[in-house]
């Protein structure tokens, strides 16, 4: 539920604060995709106050963080590696301070009191390396595309996880899951098609004034224009001589 709500909230924030417009085709394709993911992945739903508050905070922070990641890269003209290099130390420091406190509140256990064996430490290091790779890919995809496109890829991952779980691990799979995945894939295909079409249309609109200015700057008949310019220069020169 939380992951499904990220895309609509991202669209809302970008529309209100960044004045970004989404066409009806894009919204329709996103709606189809979300319906498909809902059918395929959401089986039962239980709500409580704490979970609702945590989910709302997760939606807001995720959307704002991804929008800022895209905006900062394009506004300051920095790469994903540069932005990650500048922001990662601050994120690590904040998590190092807040993480144990949150774990203490939720699990009633001290994270530093756990007996860390070499296998556990190796698993933690491997998890950290994977997290670095995930952060790098996240910054790269969001910077090159958009937060909405990144979330679409995330839902594609969900569909692939369900499909591989059925084919490789023989997880229980129902007709509802199959229909949901097919609808979600259809929505993703429509989103990709309409996004490519709009990108091409925007590029053609942006290039048309440059092409027009270039056509105006380059004469069609250089020799004739050169002679006309020479004649006009001679006329102006003769007029100035007569005035003298």
C-alpha atoms as a PDB file:
ATOM      1  CA  UNK A   1       0.000   0.000   0.000  1.00  0.00           C
ATOM      2  CA  UNK A   2       2.791   2.420   0.917  1.00  0.00           C
ATOM      3  CA  UNK A   3       4.731   1.678  -2.271  1.00  0.00           C
ATOM      4  CA  UNK A   4       1.615   2.080  -4.401  1.00  0.00           C
ATOM      5  CA  UNK A   5       0.916   5.507  -2.901  1.00  0.00           C
ATOM      6  CA  UNK A   6       4.384   6.893  -3.703  1.00  0.00           C
ATOM      7  CA  UNK A   7       3.709   7.527  -7.403  1.00  0.00           C
ATOM      8  CA  UNK A   8       0.445   9.505  -6.956  1.00  0.00           C
ATOM      9  CA  UNK A   9       2.017  11.571  -4.179  1.00  0.00           C
ATOM     10  CA  UNK A  10       5.124  12.236  -6.289  1.00  0.00           C
ATOM     11  CA  UNK A  11       2.958  13.409  -9.181  1.00  0.00           C
ATOM     12  CA  UNK A  12       1.038  15.657  -6.783  1.00  0.00           C
ATOM     13  CA  UNK A  13       4.190  17.219  -5.295  1.00  0.00           C
ATOM     14  CA  UNK A  14       5.835  17.837  -8.671  1.00  0.00           C
ATOM     15  CA  UNK A  15       2.634  19.377 -10.005  1.00  0.00           C
ATOM     16  CA  UNK A  16       2.126  21.697  -7.028  1.00  0.00           C
ATOM     17  CA  UNK A  17       5.682  22.778  -6.224  1.00  0.00           C
ATOM     18  CA  UNK A  18       7.686  22.232  -9.415  1.00  0.00           C
ATOM     19  CA  UNK A  19       4.848  23.133 -11.826  1.00  0.00           C
ATOM     20  CA  UNK A  20       5.502  19.979 -13.819  1.00  0.00           C
ATOM     21  CA  UNK A  21       2.661  18.829 -16.032  1.00  0.00           C
ATOM     22  CA  UNK A  22       1.717  15.196 -16.636  1.00  0.00           C
ATOM     23  CA  UNK A  23      -0.386  14.408 -19.675  1.00  0.00           C
ATOM     24  CA  UNK A  24      -3.579  12.436 -19.512  1.00  0.00           C
ATOM     25  CA  UNK A  25      -1.926   9.488 -21.269  1.00  0.00           C
ATOM     26  CA  UNK A  26       0.840   9.331 -18.661  1.00  0.00           C
ATOM     27  CA  UNK A  27      -1.659   9.456 -15.800  1.00  0.00           C
ATOM     28  CA  UNK A  28      -3.801   6.796 -17.432  1.00  0.00           C
ATOM     29  CA  UNK A  29      -0.845   4.440 -17.934  1.00  0.00           C
ATOM     30  CA  UNK A  30       0.285   4.944 -14.320  1.00  0.00           C
ATOM     31  CA  UNK A  31      -3.237   4.201 -13.109  1.00  0.00           C
ATOM     32  CA  UNK A  32      -3.361   0.973 -15.124  1.00  0.00           C
ATOM     33  CA  UNK A  33       0.024  -0.091 -13.776  1.00  0.00           C
ATOM     34  CA  UNK A  34      -0.938   0.616 -10.147  1.00  0.00           C
ATOM     35  CA  UNK A  35      -4.174  -1.325 -10.557  1.00  0.00           C
ATOM     36  CA  UNK A  36      -2.188  -4.280 -11.908  1.00  0.00           C
ATOM     37  CA  UNK A  37       0.341  -4.201  -9.072  1.00  0.00           C
ATOM     38  CA  UNK A  38      -2.522  -3.933  -6.585  1.00  0.00           C
ATOM     39  CA  UNK A  39      -4.219  -7.019  -8.023  1.00  0.00           C
ATOM     40  CA  UNK A  40      -0.960  -8.992  -8.143  1.00  0.00           C
ATOM     41  CA  UNK A  41       0.593  -8.140  -4.785  1.00  0.00           C
ATOM     42  CA  UNK A  42      -2.005  -6.892  -2.293  1.00  0.00           C
ATOM     43  CA  UNK A  43      -3.753  -9.854  -0.727  1.00  0.00           C
ATOM     44  CA  UNK A  44      -4.924  -8.677   2.679  1.00  0.00           C
ATOM     45  CA  UNK A  45      -4.976  -5.269   4.308  1.00  0.00           C
ATOM     46  CA  UNK A  46      -4.887  -4.477   8.009  1.00  0.00           C
ATOM     47  CA  UNK A  47      -4.621  -0.928   9.300  1.00  0.00           C
ATOM     48  CA  UNK A  48      -3.674   0.476  12.684  1.00  0.00           C
ATOM     49  CA  UNK A  49      -2.719   3.915  13.937  1.00  0.00           C
ATOM     50  CA  UNK A  50       1.031   3.357  14.318  1.00  0.00           C
ATOM     51  CA  UNK A  51       1.371   1.659  10.955  1.00  0.00           C
ATOM     52  CA  UNK A  52      -0.621   4.376   9.227  1.00  0.00           C
ATOM     53  CA  UNK A  53       1.552   7.144  10.703  1.00  0.00           C
ATOM     54  CA  UNK A  54       4.784   5.336   9.812  1.00  0.00           C
ATOM     55  CA  UNK A  55       3.526   4.662   6.278  1.00  0.00           C
ATOM     56  CA  UNK A  56       2.536   8.301   5.791  1.00  0.00           C
ATOM     57  CA  UNK A  57       5.976   9.460   6.952  1.00  0.00           C
ATOM     58  CA  UNK A  58       7.634   6.916   4.657  1.00  0.00           C
ATOM     59  CA  UNK A  59       5.632   8.162   1.672  1.00  0.00           C
ATOM     60  CA  UNK A  60       6.439  11.825   2.333  1.00  0.00           C
ATOM     61  CA  UNK A  61      10.153  11.315   2.983  1.00  0.00           C
ATOM     62  CA  UNK A  62      10.613   8.975   0.033  1.00  0.00           C
ATOM     63  CA  UNK A  63       8.880  11.305  -2.416  1.00  0.00           C
ATOM     64  CA  UNK A  64      10.681  14.420  -1.182  1.00  0.00           C
ATOM     65  CA  UNK A  65      14.060  12.665  -1.182  1.00  0.00           C
ATOM     66  CA  UNK A  66      13.672  11.346  -4.728  1.00  0.00           C
ATOM     67  CA  UNK A  67      12.388  14.663  -6.062  1.00  0.00           C
ATOM     68  CA  UNK A  68      15.318  16.515  -4.469  1.00  0.00           C
ATOM     69  CA  UNK A  69      17.740  13.948  -5.879  1.00  0.00           C
ATOM     70  CA  UNK A  70      16.481  14.648  -9.388  1.00  0.00           C
ATOM     71  CA  UNK A  71      16.189  18.425  -8.934  1.00  0.00           C
ATOM     72  CA  UNK A  72      19.641  18.915  -7.391  1.00  0.00           C
ATOM     73  CA  UNK A  73      21.398  16.904 -10.092  1.00  0.00           C
ATOM     74  CA  UNK A  74      19.781  18.884 -12.890  1.00  0.00           C
ATOM     75  CA  UNK A  75      19.939  22.288 -11.201  1.00  0.00           C
ATOM     76  CA  UNK A  76      23.594  22.061 -10.146  1.00  0.00           C
ATOM     77  CA  UNK A  77      24.623  19.940 -13.160  1.00  0.00           C
ATOM     78  CA  UNK A  78      26.286  17.258 -11.020  1.00  0.00           C
ATOM     79  CA  UNK A  79      26.496  13.536 -11.616  1.00  0.00           C
ATOM     80  CA  UNK A  80      24.922  10.852  -9.461  1.00  0.00           C
ATOM     81  CA  UNK A  81      28.371   9.898  -8.124  1.00  0.00           C
ATOM     82  CA  UNK A  82      29.123  13.462  -7.042  1.00  0.00           C
ATOM     83  CA  UNK A  83      25.780  13.865  -5.282  1.00  0.00           C
ATOM     84  CA  UNK A  84      26.106  10.498  -3.557  1.00  0.00           C
ATOM     85  CA  UNK A  85      29.657  11.353  -2.466  1.00  0.00           C
ATOM     86  CA  UNK A  86      28.479  14.601  -0.877  1.00  0.00           C
ATOM     87  CA  UNK A  87      25.328  13.254   0.805  1.00  0.00           C
ATOM     88  CA  UNK A  88      26.371   9.744   1.900  1.00  0.00           C
ATOM     89  CA  UNK A  89      28.558  10.820   4.891  1.00  0.00           C
ATOM     90  CA  UNK A  90      25.731  12.897   6.363  1.00  0.00           C
ATOM     91  CA  UNK A  91      23.239  10.069   5.865  1.00  0.00           C
ATOM     92  CA  UNK A  92      25.611   7.576   7.481  1.00  0.00           C
ATOM     93  CA  UNK A  93      26.190   9.863  10.483  1.00  0.00           C
ATOM     94  CA  UNK A  94      22.453  10.411  10.989  1.00  0.00           C
ATOM     95  CA  UNK A  95      21.690   6.684  10.780  1.00  0.00           C
ATOM     96  CA  UNK A  96      24.581   5.810  13.086  1.00  0.00           C
ATOM     97  CA  UNK A  97      23.091   8.042  15.772  1.00  0.00           C
ATOM     98  CA  UNK A  98      19.382   7.447  15.221  1.00  0.00           C
ATOM     99  CA  UNK A  99      19.477   3.769  14.200  1.00  0.00           C
ATOM    100  CA  UNK A 100      20.367   2.253  17.595  1.00  0.00           C
ATOM    101  CA  UNK A 101      17.839   4.499  19.327  1.00  0.00           C
ATOM    102  CA  UNK A 102      15.041   3.453  16.985  1.00  0.00           C
ATOM    103  CA  UNK A 103      15.996  -0.218  17.368  1.00  0.00           C
ATOM    104  CA  UNK A 104      15.963   0.205  21.143  1.00  0.00           C
ATOM    105  CA  UNK A 105      12.469   1.693  21.038  1.00  0.00           C
ATOM    106  CA  UNK A 106      11.023  -0.906  18.671  1.00  0.00           C
ATOM    107  CA  UNK A 107      12.721  -4.136  19.818  1.00  0.00           C
ATOM    108  CA  UNK A 108      13.578  -3.260  23.419  1.00  0.00           C
ATOM    109  CA  UNK A 109      17.092  -4.573  22.739  1.00  0.00           C
ATOM    110  CA  UNK A 110      20.467  -2.879  22.461  1.00  0.00           C
ATOM    111  CA  UNK A 111      22.062  -3.413  19.071  1.00  0.00           C
ATOM    112  CA  UNK A 112      25.561  -3.244  20.549  1.00  0.00           C
ATOM    113  CA  UNK A 113      24.784  -6.043  23.028  1.00  0.00           C
ATOM    114  CA  UNK A 114      24.359  -8.597  20.230  1.00  0.00           C
ATOM    115  CA  UNK A 115      27.170 -11.209  20.019  1.00  0.00           C
ATOM    116  CA  UNK A 116      28.728 -10.473  16.623  1.00  0.00           C
ATOM    117  CA  UNK A 117      30.391 -13.512  15.084  1.00  0.00           C
ATOM    118  CA  UNK A 118      32.583 -13.432  11.948  1.00  0.00           C
ATOM    119  CA  UNK A 119      29.667 -14.733   9.873  1.00  0.00           C
ATOM    120  CA  UNK A 120      27.382 -11.983  11.164  1.00  0.00           C
ATOM    121  CA  UNK A 121      30.017  -9.303  10.512  1.00  0.00           C
ATOM    122  CA  UNK A 122      30.588 -10.660   7.011  1.00  0.00           C
ATOM    123  CA  UNK A 123      26.849 -10.551   6.338  1.00  0.00           C
ATOM    124  CA  UNK A 124      26.696  -6.955   7.587  1.00  0.00           C
ATOM    125  CA  UNK A 125      29.599  -5.904   5.346  1.00  0.00           C
ATOM    126  CA  UNK A 126      28.022  -7.649   2.352  1.00  0.00           C
ATOM    127  CA  UNK A 127      24.718  -5.926   3.106  1.00  0.00           C
ATOM    128  CA  UNK A 128      26.497  -2.556   3.248  1.00  0.00           C
ATOM    129  CA  UNK A 129      28.155  -3.144  -0.124  1.00  0.00           C
ATOM    130  CA  UNK A 130      24.818  -4.080  -1.666  1.00  0.00           C
ATOM    131  CA  UNK A 131      23.265  -0.957  -0.115  1.00  0.00           C
ATOM    132  CA  UNK A 132      25.969   1.214  -1.695  1.00  0.00           C
ATOM    133  CA  UNK A 133      25.250  -0.350  -5.088  1.00  0.00           C
ATOM    134  CA  UNK A 134      21.519   0.227  -4.614  1.00  0.00           C
ATOM    135  CA  UNK A 135      22.072   3.869  -3.633  1.00  0.00           C
ATOM    136  CA  UNK A 136      24.315   4.436  -6.649  1.00  0.00           C
ATOM    137  CA  UNK A 137      21.778   2.912  -9.040  1.00  0.00           C
ATOM    138  CA  UNK A 138      18.992   4.923  -7.387  1.00  0.00           C
ATOM    139  CA  UNK A 139      20.807   8.242  -7.821  1.00  0.00           C
ATOM    140  CA  UNK A 140      21.790   7.300 -11.374  1.00  0.00           C
ATOM    141  CA  UNK A 141      18.294   6.301 -12.526  1.00  0.00           C
ATOM    142  CA  UNK A 142      16.544   9.253 -10.847  1.00  0.00           C
ATOM    143  CA  UNK A 143      19.098  11.721 -12.235  1.00  0.00           C
ATOM    144  CA  UNK A 144      18.842  10.394 -15.782  1.00  0.00           C
ATOM    145  CA  UNK A 145      15.064   9.936 -15.802  1.00  0.00           C
ATOM    146  CA  UNK A 146      12.648  11.039 -13.074  1.00  0.00           C
ATOM    147  CA  UNK A 147      11.325   9.907  -9.681  1.00  0.00           C
ATOM    148  CA  UNK A 148       8.159   8.561 -11.312  1.00  0.00           C
ATOM    149  CA  UNK A 149      10.148   6.461 -13.776  1.00  0.00           C
ATOM    150  CA  UNK A 150      12.233   5.102 -10.913  1.00  0.00           C
ATOM    151  CA  UNK A 151       9.074   4.006  -9.100  1.00  0.00           C
ATOM    152  CA  UNK A 152       7.811   2.361 -12.290  1.00  0.00           C
ATOM    153  CA  UNK A 153      11.034   0.332 -12.372  1.00  0.00           C
ATOM    154  CA  UNK A 154      10.430  -0.567  -8.729  1.00  0.00           C
ATOM    155  CA  UNK A 155       7.005  -1.975  -9.568  1.00  0.00           C
ATOM    156  CA  UNK A 156       8.560  -3.904 -12.450  1.00  0.00           C
ATOM    157  CA  UNK A 157      10.911  -5.431  -9.882  1.00  0.00           C
ATOM    158  CA  UNK A 158       7.880  -6.444  -7.798  1.00  0.00           C
ATOM    159  CA  UNK A 159       6.328  -8.225 -10.765  1.00  0.00           C
ATOM    160  CA  UNK A 160       9.628  -9.981 -11.555  1.00  0.00           C
ATOM    161  CA  UNK A 161       9.989 -11.101  -7.923  1.00  0.00           C
ATOM    162  CA  UNK A 162       6.519 -12.631  -8.027  1.00  0.00           C
ATOM    163  CA  UNK A 163       7.174 -14.310 -11.375  1.00  0.00           C
ATOM    164  CA  UNK A 164      10.585 -15.724 -10.387  1.00  0.00           C
ATOM    165  CA  UNK A 165       9.172 -16.876  -7.070  1.00  0.00           C
ATOM    166  CA  UNK A 166       6.603 -18.915  -8.928  1.00  0.00           C
ATOM    167  CA  UNK A 167       8.955 -20.324 -11.586  1.00  0.00           C
ATOM    168  CA  UNK A 168      12.059 -20.963  -9.444  1.00  0.00           C
ATOM    169  CA  UNK A 169      10.760 -21.449  -5.897  1.00  0.00           C
ATOM    170  CA  UNK A 170       7.325 -22.799  -6.854  1.00  0.00           C
ATOM    171  CA  UNK A 171       5.496 -20.287  -4.686  1.00  0.00           C
ATOM    172  CA  UNK A 172       1.704 -20.484  -4.766  1.00  0.00           C
ATOM    173  CA  UNK A 173       0.416 -18.559  -7.753  1.00  0.00           C
ATOM    174  CA  UNK A 174      -3.203 -17.799  -8.564  1.00  0.00           C
ATOM    175  CA  UNK A 175      -5.062 -16.494 -11.556  1.00  0.00           C
ATOM    176  CA  UNK A 176      -5.322 -13.161  -9.780  1.00  0.00           C
ATOM    177  CA  UNK A 177      -1.525 -12.857  -9.637  1.00  0.00           C
ATOM    178  CA  UNK A 178      -1.209 -13.622 -13.344  1.00  0.00           C
ATOM    179  CA  UNK A 179      -3.882 -11.104 -14.315  1.00  0.00           C
ATOM    180  CA  UNK A 180      -2.345  -8.472 -12.051  1.00  0.00           C
ATOM    181  CA  UNK A 181       1.137  -8.908 -13.515  1.00  0.00           C
ATOM    182  CA  UNK A 182      -0.207  -8.751 -17.080  1.00  0.00           C
ATOM    183  CA  UNK A 183      -2.156  -5.553 -16.326  1.00  0.00           C
ATOM    184  CA  UNK A 184       0.889  -4.034 -14.617  1.00  0.00           C
ATOM    185  CA  UNK A 185       3.161  -4.888 -17.560  1.00  0.00           C
ATOM    186  CA  UNK A 186       0.592  -3.323 -19.906  1.00  0.00           C
ATOM    187  CA  UNK A 187       0.608  -0.125 -17.857  1.00  0.00           C
ATOM    188  CA  UNK A 188       4.417  -0.037 -17.845  1.00  0.00           C
ATOM    189  CA  UNK A 189       4.507  -0.486 -21.603  1.00  0.00           C
ATOM    190  CA  UNK A 190       2.022   2.333 -22.105  1.00  0.00           C
ATOM    191  CA  UNK A 191       4.002   4.587 -19.761  1.00  0.00           C
ATOM    192  CA  UNK A 192       7.229   3.894 -21.658  1.00  0.00           C
ATOM    193  CA  UNK A 193       5.586   4.546 -25.018  1.00  0.00           C
ATOM    194  CA  UNK A 194       3.928   7.812 -24.004  1.00  0.00           C
ATOM    195  CA  UNK A 195       7.072   9.010 -22.202  1.00  0.00           C
ATOM    196  CA  UNK A 196       9.209   8.428 -25.294  1.00  0.00           C
ATOM    197  CA  UNK A 197       6.674  10.192 -27.497  1.00  0.00           C
ATOM    198  CA  UNK A 198       6.533  13.217 -25.197  1.00  0.00           C
ATOM    199  CA  UNK A 199      10.328  13.360 -24.968  1.00  0.00           C
ATOM    200  CA  UNK A 200      10.638  13.389 -28.753  1.00  0.00           C
ATOM    201  CA  UNK A 201       7.935  16.057 -28.996  1.00  0.00           C
ATOM    202  CA  UNK A 202       9.656  18.257 -26.420  1.00  0.00           C
ATOM    203  CA  UNK A 203      13.022  17.861 -28.124  1.00  0.00           C
ATOM    204  CA  UNK A 204      11.556  18.864 -31.474  1.00  0.00           C
ATOM    205  CA  UNK A 205       9.934  21.930 -29.898  1.00  0.00           C
ATOM    206  CA  UNK A 206      13.192  22.927 -28.192  1.00  0.00           C
ATOM    207  CA  UNK A 207      15.250  22.506 -31.358  1.00  0.00           C
ATOM    208  CA  UNK A 208      12.874  24.298 -33.716  1.00  0.00           C
ATOM    209  CA  UNK A 209      13.785  27.867 -32.598  1.00  0.00           C
ATOM    210  CA  UNK A 210      17.491  27.029 -32.907  1.00  0.00           C
ATOM    211  CA  UNK A 211      17.015  25.649 -36.401  1.00  0.00           C
ATOM    212  CA  UNK A 212      15.021  28.719 -37.376  1.00  0.00           C
ATOM    213  CA  UNK A 213      17.649  31.071 -36.003  1.00  0.00           C
ATOM    214  CA  UNK A 214      20.343  29.153 -37.846  1.00  0.00           C
ATOM    215  CA  UNK A 215      18.381  29.358 -41.092  1.00  0.00           C
ATOM    216  CA  UNK A 216      17.956  33.100 -40.621  1.00  0.00           C
ATOM    217  CA  UNK A 217      21.642  33.581 -39.923  1.00  0.00           C
ATOM    218  CA  UNK A 218      22.905  31.634 -42.951  1.00  0.00           C
ATOM    219  CA  UNK A 219      21.986  33.288 -46.286  1.00  0.00           C
ATOM    220  CA  UNK A 220      20.441  31.140 -48.983  1.00  0.00           C
ATOM    221  CA  UNK A 221      22.431  32.901 -51.726  1.00  0.00           C
ATOM    222  CA  UNK A 222      25.753  33.961 -50.227  1.00  0.00           C
ATOM    223  CA  UNK A 223      27.102  35.533 -53.412  1.00  0.00           C
ATOM    224  CA  UNK A 224      24.014  37.611 -54.070  1.00  0.00           C
ATOM    225  CA  UNK A 225      23.709  38.719 -50.448  1.00  0.00           C
ATOM    226  CA  UNK A 226      27.423  39.592 -50.413  1.00  0.00           C
ATOM    227  CA  UNK A 227      27.044  41.767 -53.485  1.00  0.00           C
ATOM    228  CA  UNK A 228      23.979  43.451 -52.030  1.00  0.00           C
ATOM    229  CA  UNK A 229      25.821  44.117 -48.798  1.00  0.00           C
ATOM    230  CA  UNK A 230      28.775  45.551 -50.773  1.00  0.00           C
ATOM    231  CA  UNK A 231      26.475  47.813 -52.782  1.00  0.00           C
ATOM    232  CA  UNK A 232      24.727  49.061 -49.645  1.00  0.00           C
ATOM    233  CA  UNK A 233      28.126  49.737 -48.075  1.00  0.00           C
ATOM    234  CA  UNK A 234      29.210  51.710 -51.140  1.00  0.00           C
ATOM    235  CA  UNK A 235      25.997  53.729 -51.073  1.00  0.00           C
ATOM    236  CA  UNK A 236      26.468  54.559 -47.395  1.00  0.00           C
ATOM    237  CA  UNK A 237      30.113  55.496 -48.075  1.00  0.00           C
ATOM    238  CA  UNK A 238      29.177  57.817 -50.966  1.00  0.00           C
ATOM    239  CA  UNK A 239      26.500  59.448 -48.841  1.00  0.00           C
ATOM    240  CA  UNK A 240      28.981  60.088 -46.056  1.00  0.00           C
ATOM    241  CA  UNK A 241      31.525  61.523 -48.548  1.00  0.00           C
ATOM    242  CA  UNK A 242      28.944  63.870 -50.002  1.00  0.00           C
ATOM    243  CA  UNK A 243      27.956  64.993 -46.528  1.00  0.00           C
ATOM    244  CA  UNK A 244      31.596  65.832 -45.832  1.00  0.00           C
END
